[in-house]
Amino acid sequence: MSTQSKPDILINQDDHEELIELALKAIGRSPGAALLLQEMERAKVVSDVPPNVLGMNGAVDFEYDGRRYEDYHLVYPNCADFANGRISVLTPVGAALIGLAEGQTMWWPGDQRAVHRLTVLKVNGAAPH
């Protein structure tokens, strides 16, 4: 694990409650469930998330392990379609993205002792529901 501290994350109350429930139901069945639950436990719950912070259904440009991804939406698992730019919050990448602000970087351990690095480059606003 990297010695880097995790960045502060912000989430609104409705998403916070829904995501905790989602993560608890998916523990042991989804690769990002445990990370999502850890993130929700440390998140600062706010009434309004600033526009530069990624929330659910928001669009984001980010860099993951040195590769750039543009205009991806963070969605619930039933809407996920990576090939069309829709990342499930129950994946490790999705769980790492939630609540990050532009410019923030998150590190977490992966398989074979690799440490993953993800940086939010730009938050592009919410997707239509």
Protein backbone atom coordinates (compact mmCIF):
# COMPACT_ATOMS: atom_id res chain seq x y z
CA MET A 1 0.00 0.00 0.00
CA SER A 2 1.20 3.46 -0.78
CA THR A 3 2.17 5.74 2.06
CA GLN A 4 -0.02 8.43 0.50
CA SER A 5 -2.93 9.57 2.63
CA LYS A 6 -6.36 9.38 1.09
CA PRO A 7 -7.85 12.69 -0.07
CA ASP A 8 -10.90 14.16 1.60
CA ILE A 9 -14.09 13.26 -0.22
CA LEU A 10 -17.53 14.87 -0.20
CA ILE A 11 -20.90 13.23 -0.83
CA ASN A 12 -24.50 14.32 -0.46
CA GLN A 13 -26.75 12.68 2.15
CA ASP A 14 -29.02 10.82 -0.31
CA ASP A 15 -26.13 9.28 -2.25
CA HIS A 16 -24.32 8.43 0.99
CA GLU A 17 -27.22 6.38 2.38
CA GLU A 18 -27.91 4.67 -0.96
CA LEU A 19 -24.26 3.80 -1.55
CA ILE A 20 -23.77 2.32 1.93
CA GLU A 21 -26.80 0.09 1.36
CA LEU A 22 -25.57 -0.87 -2.12
CA ALA A 23 -22.05 -1.70 -0.85
CA LEU A 24 -23.34 -3.79 2.06
CA LYS A 25 -25.54 -5.87 -0.28
CA ALA A 26 -22.64 -6.40 -2.71
CA ILE A 27 -19.85 -7.36 -0.25
CA GLY A 28 -18.28 -10.59 -1.48
CA ARG A 29 -20.04 -10.37 -4.86
CA SER A 30 -18.58 -7.20 -6.36
CA PRO A 31 -14.88 -6.30 -6.54
CA GLY A 32 -15.37 -2.68 -5.49
CA ALA A 33 -17.93 -3.16 -2.70
CA ALA A 34 -15.43 -3.19 0.19
CA LEU A 35 -13.61 -0.13 -1.17
CA LEU A 36 -16.92 1.70 -1.67
CA LEU A 37 -17.92 0.96 1.92
CA GLN A 38 -14.53 2.21 3.19
CA GLU A 39 -14.95 5.39 1.15
CA MET A 40 -18.47 6.00 2.50
CA GLU A 41 -17.24 5.51 6.07
CA ARG A 42 -14.66 8.28 5.67
CA ALA A 43 -16.66 10.62 3.41
CA LYS A 44 -17.79 14.02 4.65
CA VAL A 45 -21.55 14.23 4.12
CA VAL A 46 -22.72 17.63 2.86
CA SER A 47 -26.07 19.02 1.72
CA ASP A 48 -24.70 20.28 -1.61
CA VAL A 49 -21.66 18.85 -3.36
CA PRO A 50 -19.62 21.56 -5.14
CA PRO A 51 -19.63 21.39 -8.95
CA ASN A 52 -15.94 20.37 -9.04
CA VAL A 53 -16.66 17.21 -6.98
CA LEU A 54 -17.80 14.00 -8.66
CA GLY A 55 -21.15 12.68 -7.48
CA MET A 56 -23.39 9.93 -8.77
CA ASN A 57 -24.33 10.26 -12.45
CA GLY A 58 -21.65 12.91 -12.87
CA ALA A 59 -19.28 12.98 -15.83
CA VAL A 60 -15.54 13.02 -15.33
CA ASP A 61 -12.20 13.06 -17.14
CA PHE A 62 -9.62 11.09 -15.16
CA GLU A 63 -6.26 9.41 -15.38
CA TYR A 64 -5.94 5.83 -14.12
CA ASP A 65 -2.53 4.17 -13.89
CA GLY A 66 -1.16 6.56 -16.52
CA ARG A 67 -4.01 6.21 -19.02
CA ARG A 68 -6.49 9.04 -19.67
CA TYR A 69 -10.27 8.49 -19.80
CA GLU A 70 -12.56 11.28 -20.96
CA ASP A 71 -16.27 11.92 -20.39
CA TYR A 72 -17.06 8.85 -18.31
CA HIS A 73 -20.17 8.83 -16.13
CA LEU A 74 -20.24 7.35 -12.62
CA VAL A 75 -23.41 5.26 -12.43
CA TYR A 76 -25.23 2.61 -10.42
CA PRO A 77 -24.46 -0.99 -11.46
CA ASN A 78 -27.69 -1.47 -13.43
CA CYS A 79 -26.68 1.43 -15.75
CA ALA A 80 -23.02 0.44 -16.15
CA ASP A 81 -21.60 0.05 -19.65
CA PHE A 82 -17.85 0.69 -19.70
CA ALA A 83 -17.64 0.55 -23.50
CA ASN A 84 -20.06 3.49 -23.62
CA GLY A 85 -18.38 5.48 -20.86
CA ARG A 86 -20.54 4.39 -17.90
CA ILE A 87 -18.54 3.16 -14.88
CA SER A 88 -20.28 1.34 -12.03
CA VAL A 89 -19.67 2.76 -8.57
CA LEU A 90 -19.27 -0.89 -7.46
CA THR A 91 -16.03 -1.31 -9.42
CA PRO A 92 -12.74 -0.40 -7.72
CA VAL A 93 -12.30 2.55 -10.12
CA GLY A 94 -15.87 3.75 -9.55
CA ALA A 95 -15.54 3.45 -5.78
CA ALA A 96 -12.28 5.42 -5.92
CA LEU A 97 -13.84 8.17 -8.06
CA ILE A 98 -16.88 8.98 -5.93
CA GLY A 99 -16.53 12.20 -3.97
CA LEU A 100 -13.20 13.28 -5.45
CA ALA A 101 -12.67 16.88 -6.53
CA GLU A 102 -10.77 18.04 -9.60
CA GLY A 103 -7.05 17.64 -9.05
CA GLN A 104 -7.35 15.04 -6.29
CA THR A 105 -5.50 11.73 -6.52
CA MET A 106 -6.45 8.44 -4.91
CA TRP A 107 -4.17 5.42 -4.40
CA TRP A 108 -5.29 1.93 -3.43
CA PRO A 109 -3.75 -1.55 -3.42
CA GLY A 110 -4.57 -3.98 -6.19
CA ASP A 111 -3.71 -7.56 -6.95
CA GLN A 112 -0.07 -8.72 -6.88
CA ARG A 113 0.93 -5.82 -4.60
CA ALA A 114 0.40 -3.24 -7.33
CA VAL A 115 -0.74 0.19 -6.20
CA HIS A 116 -3.28 1.90 -8.42
CA ARG A 117 -3.31 5.65 -8.95
CA LEU A 118 -6.32 7.63 -10.09
CA THR A 119 -6.47 11.42 -10.58
CA VAL A 120 -9.61 13.43 -11.36
CA LEU A 121 -8.74 15.85 -14.15
CA LYS A 122 -12.13 17.49 -14.70
CA VAL A 123 -15.67 17.07 -13.42
CA ASN A 124 -18.08 17.75 -16.27
CA GLY A 125 -21.40 17.89 -14.43
CA ALA A 126 -24.27 15.51 -13.98
CA ALA A 127 -25.71 13.20 -16.58
CA PRO A 128 -29.39 13.38 -17.43
CA HIS A 129 -31.38 10.88 -15.36
